PDB file of all heavy atoms in Angstrom:
ATOM      1  N   ASP A   1     119.153 121.404  22.602  1.00  0.00           N
ATOM      2  CA  ASP A   1     118.476 120.751  21.482  1.00  0.00           C
ATOM      3  C   ASP A   1     117.489 119.671  21.923  1.00  0.00           C
ATOM      4  O   ASP A   1     116.907 118.969  21.091  1.00  0.00           O
ATOM      5  CB  ASP A   1     119.513 120.139  20.529  1.00  0.00           C
ATOM      6  CG  ASP A   1     120.377 121.213  19.883  1.00  0.00           C
ATOM      7  OD1 ASP A   1     119.867 122.327  19.677  1.00  0.00           O
ATOM      8  OD2 ASP A   1     121.559 120.941  19.600  1.00  0.00           O
ATOM      9  N   LYS A   2     117.313 119.546  23.237  1.00  0.00           N
ATOM     10  CA  LYS A   2     116.373 118.545  23.751  1.00  0.00           C
ATOM     11  C   LYS A   2     115.086 119.231  24.216  1.00  0.00           C
ATOM     12  O   LYS A   2     114.976 120.447  24.217  1.00  0.00           O
ATOM     13  CB  LYS A   2     117.022 117.768  24.901  1.00  0.00           C
ATOM     14  CG  LYS A   2     118.254 116.982  24.437  1.00  0.00           C
ATOM     15  CD  LYS A   2     118.878 116.207  25.576  1.00  0.00           C
ATOM     16  CE  LYS A   2     120.104 115.426  25.086  1.00  0.00           C
ATOM     17  NZ  LYS A   2     120.745 114.671  26.174  1.00  0.00           N
ATOM     18  N   ASP A   3     114.125 118.442  24.636  1.00  0.00           N
ATOM     19  CA  ASP A   3     112.812 118.988  24.998  1.00  0.00           C
ATOM     20  C   ASP A   3     112.846 119.830  26.267  1.00  0.00           C
ATOM     21  O   ASP A   3     112.112 120.801  26.391  1.00  0.00           O
ATOM     22  CB  ASP A   3     111.806 117.836  25.178  1.00  0.00           C
ATOM     23  CG  ASP A   3     111.498 117.162  23.856  1.00  0.00           C
ATOM     24  OD1 ASP A   3     111.677 117.813  22.809  1.00  0.00           O
ATOM     25  OD2 ASP A   3     111.090 115.985  23.874  1.00  0.00           O
ATOM     26  N   ALA A   4     113.668 119.429  27.232  1.00  0.00           N
ATOM     27  CA  ALA A   4     113.688 120.139  28.523  1.00  0.00           C
ATOM     28  C   ALA A   4     115.087 120.678  28.810  1.00  0.00           C
ATOM     29  O   ALA A   4     116.065 119.930  28.813  1.00  0.00           O
ATOM     30  CB  ALA A   4     113.248 119.208  29.643  1.00  0.00           C
ATOM     31  N   ILE A   5     115.181 121.977  29.060  1.00  0.00           N
ATOM     32  CA  ILE A   5     116.468 122.590  29.393  1.00  0.00           C
ATOM     33  C   ILE A   5     116.882 122.186  30.801  1.00  0.00           C
ATOM     34  O   ILE A   5     116.043 121.984  31.685  1.00  0.00           O
ATOM     35  CB  ILE A   5     116.389 124.129  29.264  1.00  0.00           C
ATOM     36  CG1 ILE A   5     117.796 124.736  29.328  1.00  0.00           C
ATOM     37  CG2 ILE A   5     115.484 124.730  30.340  1.00  0.00           C
ATOM     38  CD1 ILE A   5     117.829 126.203  28.911  1.00  0.00           C
ATOM     39  N   LYS A   6     118.167 122.031  31.016  1.00  0.00           N
ATOM     40  CA  LYS A   6     118.660 121.682  32.356  1.00  0.00           C
ATOM     41  C   LYS A   6     119.676 122.721  32.807  1.00  0.00           C
ATOM     42  O   LYS A   6     120.505 123.182  32.010  1.00  0.00           O
ATOM     43  CB  LYS A   6     119.285 120.283  32.353  1.00  0.00           C
ATOM     44  CG  LYS A   6     120.442 120.108  31.371  1.00  0.00           C
ATOM     45  CD  LYS A   6     121.005 118.699  31.416  1.00  0.00           C
ATOM     46  CE  LYS A   6     122.169 118.537  30.433  1.00  0.00           C
ATOM     47  NZ  LYS A   6     122.749 117.186  30.465  1.00  0.00           N
ATOM     48  N   HIS A   7     119.611 123.083  34.085  1.00  0.00           N
ATOM     49  CA  HIS A   7     120.535 124.064  34.650  1.00  0.00           C
ATOM     50  C   HIS A   7     121.480 123.346  35.620  1.00  0.00           C
ATOM     51  O   HIS A   7     121.206 123.248  36.819  1.00  0.00           O
ATOM     52  CB  HIS A   7     119.769 125.178  35.364  1.00  0.00           C
ATOM     53  CG  HIS A   7     118.971 126.046  34.447  1.00  0.00           C
ATOM     54  ND1 HIS A   7     117.707 125.713  34.033  1.00  0.00           N
ATOM     55  CD2 HIS A   7     119.279 127.227  33.845  1.00  0.00           C
ATOM     56  CE1 HIS A   7     117.250 126.661  33.223  1.00  0.00           C
ATOM     57  NE2 HIS A   7     118.180 127.586  33.090  1.00  0.00           N
ATOM     58  N   SER A   8     122.557 122.840  35.096  1.00  0.00           N
ATOM     59  CA  SER A   8     123.544 122.134  35.923  1.00  0.00           C
ATOM     60  C   SER A   8     124.794 122.993  36.049  1.00  0.00           C
ATOM     61  O   SER A   8     125.243 123.599  35.080  1.00  0.00           O
ATOM     62  CB  SER A   8     123.893 120.783  35.310  1.00  0.00           C
ATOM     63  OG  SER A   8     124.386 120.950  34.002  1.00  0.00           O
ATOM     64  N   THR A   9     125.337 123.062  37.248  1.00  0.00           N
ATOM     65  CA  THR A   9     126.509 123.905  37.494  1.00  0.00           C
ATOM     66  C   THR A   9     127.664 123.081  38.063  1.00  0.00           C
ATOM     67  O   THR A   9     127.478 121.950  38.511  1.00  0.00           O
ATOM     68  CB  THR A   9     126.162 125.034  38.478  1.00  0.00           C
ATOM     69  OG1 THR A   9     125.785 124.463  39.748  1.00  0.00           O
ATOM     70  CG2 THR A   9     124.999 125.882  37.969  1.00  0.00           C
ATOM     71  N   GLY A  10     128.841 123.684  38.035  1.00  0.00           N
ATOM     72  CA  GLY A  10     130.004 123.058  38.651  1.00  0.00           C
ATOM     73  C   GLY A  10     130.830 122.195  37.732  1.00  0.00           C
ATOM     74  O   GLY A  10     131.811 121.587  38.170  1.00  0.00           O
ATOM     75  N   LYS A  11     130.452 122.122  36.436  1.00  0.00           N
ATOM     76  CA  LYS A  11     131.247 121.335  35.495  1.00  0.00           C
ATOM     77  C   LYS A  11     132.315 122.194  34.818  1.00  0.00           C
ATOM     78  O   LYS A  11     133.459 121.777  34.659  1.00  0.00           O
ATOM     79  CB  LYS A  11     130.331 120.706  34.439  1.00  0.00           C
ATOM     80  CG  LYS A  11     129.384 119.650  34.989  1.00  0.00           C
ATOM     81  CD  LYS A  11     128.491 119.080  33.901  1.00  0.00           C
ATOM     82  CE  LYS A  11     127.538 118.031  34.453  1.00  0.00           C
ATOM     83  NZ  LYS A  11     126.629 117.505  33.406  1.00  0.00           N
ATOM     84  N   ASN A  12     131.934 123.377  34.402  1.00  0.00           N
ATOM     85  CA  ASN A  12     132.871 124.279  33.712  1.00  0.00           C
ATOM     86  C   ASN A  12     133.610 125.195  34.681  1.00  0.00           C
ATOM     87  O   ASN A  12     134.759 125.560  34.439  1.00  0.00           O
ATOM     88  CB  ASN A  12     132.123 125.118  32.677  1.00  0.00           C
ATOM     89  CG  ASN A  12     131.479 124.258  31.607  1.00  0.00           C
ATOM     90  OD1 ASN A  12     132.020 123.211  31.243  1.00  0.00           O
ATOM     91  ND2 ASN A  12     130.331 124.680  31.110  1.00  0.00           N
ATOM     92  N   ILE A  13     132.948 125.583  35.761  1.00  0.00           N
ATOM     93  CA  ILE A  13     133.575 126.415  36.786  1.00  0.00           C
ATOM     94  C   ILE A  13     132.895 126.144  38.119  1.00  0.00           C
ATOM     95  O   ILE A  13     131.667 126.123  38.212  1.00  0.00           O
ATOM     96  CB  ILE A  13     133.488 127.926  36.433  1.00  0.00           C
ATOM     97  CG1 ILE A  13     134.191 128.775  37.500  1.00  0.00           C
ATOM     98  CG2 ILE A  13     132.050 128.371  36.209  1.00  0.00           C
ATOM     99  CD1 ILE A  13     134.331 130.243  37.123  1.00  0.00           C
ATOM    100  N   LYS A  14     133.699 125.876  39.147  1.00  0.00           N
ATOM    101  CA  LYS A  14     133.173 125.649  40.503  1.00  0.00           C
ATOM    102  C   LYS A  14     133.343 126.928  41.307  1.00  0.00           C
ATOM    103  O   LYS A  14     134.462 127.420  41.468  1.00  0.00           O
ATOM    104  CB  LYS A  14     133.915 124.494  41.183  1.00  0.00           C
ATOM    105  CG  LYS A  14     133.507 123.106  40.707  1.00  0.00           C
ATOM    106  CD  LYS A  14     134.286 122.040  41.472  1.00  0.00           C
ATOM    107  CE  LYS A  14     133.835 120.643  41.097  1.00  0.00           C
ATOM    108  NZ  LYS A  14     132.521 120.295  41.629  1.00  0.00           N
ATOM    109  N   LEU A  15     132.232 127.443  41.815  1.00  0.00           N
ATOM    110  CA  LEU A  15     132.263 128.695  42.569  1.00  0.00           C
ATOM    111  C   LEU A  15     131.804 128.523  44.008  1.00  0.00           C
ATOM    112  O   LEU A  15     132.375 129.120  44.928  1.00  0.00           O
ATOM    113  CB  LEU A  15     131.399 129.744  41.869  1.00  0.00           C
ATOM    114  CG  LEU A  15     131.909 130.210  40.502  1.00  0.00           C
ATOM    115  CD1 LEU A  15     130.816 130.952  39.747  1.00  0.00           C
ATOM    116  CD2 LEU A  15     133.139 131.096  40.664  1.00  0.00           C
ATOM    117  N   LEU A  16     130.773 127.720  44.230  1.00  0.00           N
ATOM    118  CA  LEU A  16     130.206 127.507  45.560  1.00  0.00           C
ATOM    119  C   LEU A  16     129.896 126.019  45.748  1.00  0.00           C
ATOM    120  O   LEU A  16     129.684 125.303  44.764  1.00  0.00           O
ATOM    121  CB  LEU A  16     128.922 128.334  45.731  1.00  0.00           C
ATOM    122  CG  LEU A  16     129.087 129.865  45.751  1.00  0.00           C
ATOM    123  CD1 LEU A  16     127.719 130.545  45.699  1.00  0.00           C
ATOM    124  CD2 LEU A  16     129.862 130.341  46.975  1.00  0.00           C
ATOM    125  N   PRO A  17     129.822 125.549  47.002  1.00  0.00           N
ATOM    126  CA  PRO A  17     129.652 124.108  47.244  1.00  0.00           C
ATOM    127  C   PRO A  17     128.194 123.645  47.326  1.00  0.00           C
ATOM    128  O   PRO A  17     127.927 122.546  47.793  1.00  0.00           O
ATOM    129  CB  PRO A  17     130.335 123.933  48.613  1.00  0.00           C
ATOM    130  CG  PRO A  17     130.031 125.207  49.329  1.00  0.00           C
ATOM    131  CD  PRO A  17     130.064 126.288  48.258  1.00  0.00           C
ATOM    132  N   TYR A  18     127.262 124.478  46.885  1.00  0.00           N
ATOM    133  CA  TYR A  18     125.844 124.202  47.118  1.00  0.00           C
ATOM    134  C   TYR A  18     125.185 123.438  45.974  1.00  0.00           C
ATOM    135  O   TYR A  18     125.675 123.429  44.848  1.00  0.00           O
ATOM    136  CB  TYR A  18     125.092 125.517  47.369  1.00  0.00           C
ATOM    137  CG  TYR A  18     125.762 126.399  48.387  1.00  0.00           C
ATOM    138  CD1 TYR A  18     125.978 127.753  48.137  1.00  0.00           C
ATOM    139  CD2 TYR A  18     126.220 125.875  49.596  1.00  0.00           C
ATOM    140  CE1 TYR A  18     126.607 128.561  49.070  1.00  0.00           C
ATOM    141  CE2 TYR A  18     126.850 126.676  50.527  1.00  0.00           C
ATOM    142  CZ  TYR A  18     127.051 128.019  50.261  1.00  0.00           C
ATOM    143  OH  TYR A  18     127.685 128.823  51.178  1.00  0.00           O
ATOM    144  N   THR A  19     124.046 122.830  46.298  1.00  0.00           N
ATOM    145  CA  THR A  19     123.210 122.157  45.314  1.00  0.00           C
ATOM    146  C   THR A  19     121.784 122.702  45.450  1.00  0.00           C
ATOM    147  O   THR A  19     121.491 123.482  46.362  1.00  0.00           O
ATOM    148  CB  THR A  19     123.167 120.632  45.550  1.00  0.00           C
ATOM    149  OG1 THR A  19     122.419 120.362  46.751  1.00  0.00           O
ATOM    150  CG2 THR A  19     124.566 120.060  45.683  1.00  0.00           C
ATOM    151  N   THR A  20     120.915 122.268  44.559  1.00  0.00           N
ATOM    152  CA  THR A  20     119.509 122.687  44.625  1.00  0.00           C
ATOM    153  C   THR A  20     118.669 121.670  45.394  1.00  0.00           C
ATOM    154  O   THR A  20     117.443 121.701  45.354  1.00  0.00           O
ATOM    155  CB  THR A  20     118.927 122.845  43.211  1.00  0.00           C
ATOM    156  OG1 THR A  20     119.067 121.604  42.513  1.00  0.00           O
ATOM    157  CG2 THR A  20     119.664 123.938  42.443  1.00  0.00           C
ATOM    158  N   LYS A  21     119.324 120.772  46.112  1.00  0.00           N
ATOM    159  CA  LYS A  21     118.633 119.673  46.794  1.00  0.00           C
ATOM    160  C   LYS A  21     118.498 119.897  48.296  1.00  0.00           C
ATOM    161  O   LYS A  21     118.334 118.942  49.063  1.00  0.00           O
ATOM    162  CB  LYS A  21     119.381 118.353  46.549  1.00  0.00           C
ATOM    163  CG  LYS A  21     119.623 118.016  45.081  1.00  0.00           C
ATOM    164  CD  LYS A  21     118.334 117.758  44.329  1.00  0.00           C
ATOM    165  CE  LYS A  21     118.612 117.317  42.898  1.00  0.00           C
ATOM    166  NZ  LYS A  21     117.367 117.130  42.123  1.00  0.00           N
ATOM    167  N   TYR A  22     118.542 121.135  48.747  1.00  0.00           N
ATOM    168  CA  TYR A  22     118.459 121.379  50.191  1.00  0.00           C
ATOM    169  C   TYR A  22     117.099 120.952  50.742  1.00  0.00           C
ATOM    170  O   TYR A  22     116.055 121.264  50.169  1.00  0.00           O
ATOM    171  CB  TYR A  22     118.691 122.858  50.522  1.00  0.00           C
ATOM    172  CG  TYR A  22     118.550 123.126  52.013  1.00  0.00           C
ATOM    173  CD1 TYR A  22     119.602 122.872  52.879  1.00  0.00           C
ATOM    174  CD2 TYR A  22     117.344 123.578  52.553  1.00  0.00           C
ATOM    175  CE1 TYR A  22     119.477 123.068  54.239  1.00  0.00           C
ATOM    176  CE2 TYR A  22     117.210 123.786  53.915  1.00  0.00           C
ATOM    177  CZ  TYR A  22     118.275 123.528  54.758  1.00  0.00           C
ATOM    178  OH  TYR A  22     118.133 123.709  56.112  1.00  0.00           O
ATOM    179  N   GLU A  23     117.145 120.255  51.882  1.00  0.00           N
ATOM    180  CA  GLU A  23     115.937 119.884  52.620  1.00  0.00           C
ATOM    181  C   GLU A  23     116.171 120.154  54.098  1.00  0.00           C
ATOM    182  O   GLU A  23     117.313 120.324  54.539  1.00  0.00           O
ATOM    183  CB  GLU A  23     115.621 118.402  52.399  1.00  0.00           C
ATOM    184  CG  GLU A  23     115.309 118.037  50.955  1.00  0.00           C
ATOM    185  CD  GLU A  23     115.065 116.545  50.783  1.00  0.00           C
ATOM    186  OE1 GLU A  23     114.723 115.885  51.782  1.00  0.00           O
ATOM    187  OE2 GLU A  23     115.232 116.047  49.659  1.00  0.00           O
ATOM    188  N   LYS A  24     115.109 120.174  54.874  1.00  0.00           N
ATOM    189  CA  LYS A  24     115.209 120.481  56.306  1.00  0.00           C
ATOM    190  C   LYS A  24     116.140 119.527  57.037  1.00  0.00           C
ATOM    191  O   LYS A  24     116.797 119.903  58.009  1.00  0.00           O
ATOM    192  CB  LYS A  24     113.823 120.468  56.950  1.00  0.00           C
ATOM    193  CG  LYS A  24     112.959 121.673  56.583  1.00  0.00           C
ATOM    194  CD  LYS A  24     111.641 121.648  57.352  1.00  0.00           C
ATOM    195  CE  LYS A  24     110.811 122.889  57.010  1.00  0.00           C
ATOM    196  NZ  LYS A  24     109.509 122.901  57.730  1.00  0.00           N
ATOM    197  N   LYS A  25     116.207 118.290  56.563  1.00  0.00           N
ATOM    198  CA  LYS A  25     117.058 117.292  57.219  1.00  0.00           C
ATOM    199  C   LYS A  25     118.540 117.663  57.142  1.00  0.00           C
ATOM    200  O   LYS A  25     119.348 117.180  57.946  1.00  0.00           O
ATOM    201  CB  LYS A  25     116.833 115.913  56.600  1.00  0.00           C
ATOM    202  CG  LYS A  25     117.284 115.805  55.142  1.00  0.00           C
ATOM    203  CD  LYS A  25     117.034 114.408  54.593  1.00  0.00           C
ATOM    204  CE  LYS A  25     117.519 114.299  53.146  1.00  0.00           C
ATOM    205  NZ  LYS A  25     117.276 112.944  52.581  1.00  0.00           N
ATOM    206  N   HIS A  26     118.897 118.517  56.192  1.00  0.00           N
ATOM    207  CA  HIS A  26     120.303 118.901  56.036  1.00  0.00           C
ATOM    208  C   HIS A  26     120.756 119.893  57.107  1.00  0.00           C
ATOM    209  O   HIS A  26     121.957 120.135  57.255  1.00  0.00           O
ATOM    210  CB  HIS A  26     120.538 119.512  54.647  1.00  0.00           C
ATOM    211  CG  HIS A  26     120.403 118.513  53.547  1.00  0.00           C
ATOM    212  ND1 HIS A  26     119.513 118.651  52.499  1.00  0.00           N
ATOM    213  CD2 HIS A  26     121.039 117.327  53.329  1.00  0.00           C
ATOM    214  CE1 HIS A  26     119.620 117.615  51.690  1.00  0.00           C
ATOM    215  NE2 HIS A  26     120.535 116.805  52.169  1.00  0.00           N
ATOM    216  N   LYS A  27     119.815 120.464  57.824  1.00  0.00           N
ATOM    217  CA  LYS A  27     120.167 121.431  58.874  1.00  0.00           C
ATOM    218  C   LYS A  27     121.086 120.801  59.910  1.00  0.00           C
ATOM    219  O   LYS A  27     121.994 121.450  60.436  1.00  0.00           O
ATOM    220  CB  LYS A  27     118.892 121.964  59.544  1.00  0.00           C
ATOM    221  CG  LYS A  27     119.155 123.039  60.582  1.00  0.00           C
ATOM    222  CD  LYS A  27     117.845 123.577  61.160  1.00  0.00           C
ATOM    223  CE  LYS A  27     118.111 124.621  62.237  1.00  0.00           C
ATOM    224  NZ  LYS A  27     116.842 125.161  62.798  1.00  0.00           N
ATOM    225  N   ASP A  28     120.867 119.526  60.191  1.00  0.00           N
ATOM    226  CA  ASP A  28     121.696 118.815  61.175  1.00  0.00           C
ATOM    227  C   ASP A  28     123.145 118.756  60.711  1.00  0.00           C
ATOM    228  O   ASP A  28     124.075 118.903  61.515  1.00  0.00           O
ATOM    229  CB  ASP A  28     121.143 117.403  61.386  1.00  0.00           C
ATOM    230  CG  ASP A  28     121.924 116.634  62.435  1.00  0.00           C
ATOM    231  OD1 ASP A  28     122.005 117.117  63.571  1.00  0.00           O
ATOM    232  OD2 ASP A  28     122.461 115.549  62.119  1.00  0.00           O
ATOM    233  N   GLN A  29     123.368 118.544  59.417  1.00  0.00           N
ATOM    234  CA  GLN A  29     124.734 118.513  58.885  1.00  0.00           C
ATOM    235  C   GLN A  29     125.373 119.892  58.952  1.00  0.00           C
ATOM    236  O   GLN A  29     126.564 120.028  59.274  1.00  0.00           O
ATOM    237  CB  GLN A  29     124.718 118.018  57.438  1.00  0.00           C
ATOM    238  CG  GLN A  29     124.291 116.566  57.293  1.00  0.00           C
ATOM    239  CD  GLN A  29     124.313 116.091  55.856  1.00  0.00           C
ATOM    240  OE1 GLN A  29     125.010 116.657  55.015  1.00  0.00           O
ATOM    241  NE2 GLN A  29     123.555 115.053  55.551  1.00  0.00           N
ATOM    242  N   ILE A  30     124.606 120.931  58.643  1.00  0.00           N
ATOM    243  CA  ILE A  30     125.128 122.301  58.693  1.00  0.00           C
ATOM    244  C   ILE A  30     125.533 122.669  60.115  1.00  0.00           C
ATOM    245  O   ILE A  30     126.531 123.352  60.345  1.00  0.00           O
ATOM    246  CB  ILE A  30     124.072 123.290  58.151  1.00  0.00           C
ATOM    247  CG1 ILE A  30     123.817 123.033  56.669  1.00  0.00           C
ATOM    248  CG2 ILE A  30     124.510 124.737  58.358  1.00  0.00           C
ATOM    249  CD1 ILE A  30     122.653 123.800  56.089  1.00  0.00           C
ATOM    250  N   GLU A  31     124.747 122.177  61.069  1.00  0.00           N
ATOM    251  CA  GLU A  31     125.017 122.478  62.474  1.00  0.00           C
ATOM    252  C   GLU A  31     126.309 121.839  62.962  1.00  0.00           C
ATOM    253  O   GLU A  31     127.014 122.389  63.813  1.00  0.00           O
ATOM    254  CB  GLU A  31     123.836 121.982  63.327  1.00  0.00           C
ATOM    255  CG  GLU A  31     123.767 122.579  64.704  1.00  0.00           C
ATOM    256  CD  GLU A  31     122.437 122.318  65.379  1.00  0.00           C
ATOM    257  OE1 GLU A  31     121.586 121.623  64.800  1.00  0.00           O
ATOM    258  OE2 GLU A  31     122.242 122.811  66.508  1.00  0.00           O
ATOM    259  N   LYS A  32     126.659 120.691  62.399  1.00  0.00           N
ATOM    260  CA  LYS A  32     127.851 119.957  62.843  1.00  0.00           C
ATOM    261  C   LYS A  32     129.076 120.428  62.058  1.00  0.00           C
ATOM    262  O   LYS A  32     129.679 119.679  61.283  1.00  0.00           O
ATOM    263  CB  LYS A  32     127.632 118.464  62.681  1.00  0.00           C
ATOM    264  CG  LYS A  32     126.559 117.927  63.625  1.00  0.00           C
ATOM    265  CD  LYS A  32     126.280 116.454  63.403  1.00  0.00           C
ATOM    266  CE  LYS A  32     125.222 115.953  64.372  1.00  0.00           C
ATOM    267  NZ  LYS A  32     124.854 114.536  64.121  1.00  0.00           N
ATOM    268  N   PHE A  33     129.463 121.671  62.298  1.00  0.00           N
ATOM    269  CA  PHE A  33     130.584 122.265  61.558  1.00  0.00           C
ATOM    270  C   PHE A  33     131.908 121.605  61.909  1.00  0.00           C
ATOM    271  O   PHE A  33     132.863 121.679  61.138  1.00  0.00           O
ATOM    272  CB  PHE A  33     130.644 123.765  61.841  1.00  0.00           C
ATOM    273  CG  PHE A  33     131.553 124.523  60.913  1.00  0.00           C
ATOM    274  CD1 PHE A  33     131.147 124.835  59.633  1.00  0.00           C
ATOM    275  CD2 PHE A  33     132.825 124.912  61.325  1.00  0.00           C
ATOM    276  CE1 PHE A  33     131.987 125.531  58.761  1.00  0.00           C
ATOM    277  CE2 PHE A  33     133.669 125.610  60.468  1.00  0.00           C
ATOM    278  CZ  PHE A  33     133.245 125.912  59.177  1.00  0.00           C
ATOM    279  N   ASN A  34     131.972 120.945  63.072  1.00  0.00           N
ATOM    280  CA  ASN A  34     133.221 120.264  63.437  1.00  0.00           C
ATOM    281  C   ASN A  34     133.566 119.161  62.429  1.00  0.00           C
ATOM    282  O   ASN A  34     134.734 118.816  62.245  1.00  0.00           O
ATOM    283  CB  ASN A  34     133.128 119.694  64.861  1.00  0.00           C
ATOM    284  CG  ASN A  34     132.057 118.623  64.998  1.00  0.00           C
ATOM    285  OD1 ASN A  34     130.983 118.719  64.394  1.00  0.00           O
ATOM    286  ND2 ASN A  34     132.323 117.622  65.805  1.00  0.00           N
ATOM    287  N   HIS A  35     132.548 118.620  61.744  1.00  0.00           N
ATOM    288  CA  HIS A  35     132.823 117.646  60.682  1.00  0.00           C
ATOM    289  C   HIS A  35     133.632 118.287  59.561  1.00  0.00           C
ATOM    290  O   HIS A  35     134.535 117.670  58.990  1.00  0.00           O
ATOM    291  CB  HIS A  35     131.505 117.112  60.113  1.00  0.00           C
ATOM    292  CG  HIS A  35     130.770 116.205  61.047  1.00  0.00           C
ATOM    293  ND1 HIS A  35     129.564 115.609  60.731  1.00  0.00           N
ATOM    294  CD2 HIS A  35     131.067 115.787  62.309  1.00  0.00           C
ATOM    295  CE1 HIS A  35     129.159 114.866  61.754  1.00  0.00           C
ATOM    296  NE2 HIS A  35     130.051 114.963  62.715  1.00  0.00           N
ATOM    297  N   CYS A  36     133.293 119.531  59.250  1.00  0.00           N
ATOM    298  CA  CYS A  36     134.026 120.278  58.227  1.00  0.00           C
ATOM    299  C   CYS A  36     135.469 120.518  58.671  1.00  0.00           C
ATOM    300  O   CYS A  36     136.402 120.416  57.865  1.00  0.00           O
ATOM    301  CB  CYS A  36     133.316 121.611  57.951  1.00  0.00           C
ATOM    302  SG  CYS A  36     134.156 122.688  56.787  1.00  0.00           S
TER     303      CYS A  36
END
């Protein structure tokens, strides 16, 4: 009912751990799997 539709996920059902905010700088975190 607002002017701009929003596509937000993970509130009603969580399926994957991803966001739409990926940037090249995140590659370093992905590489450090030992943190996980």
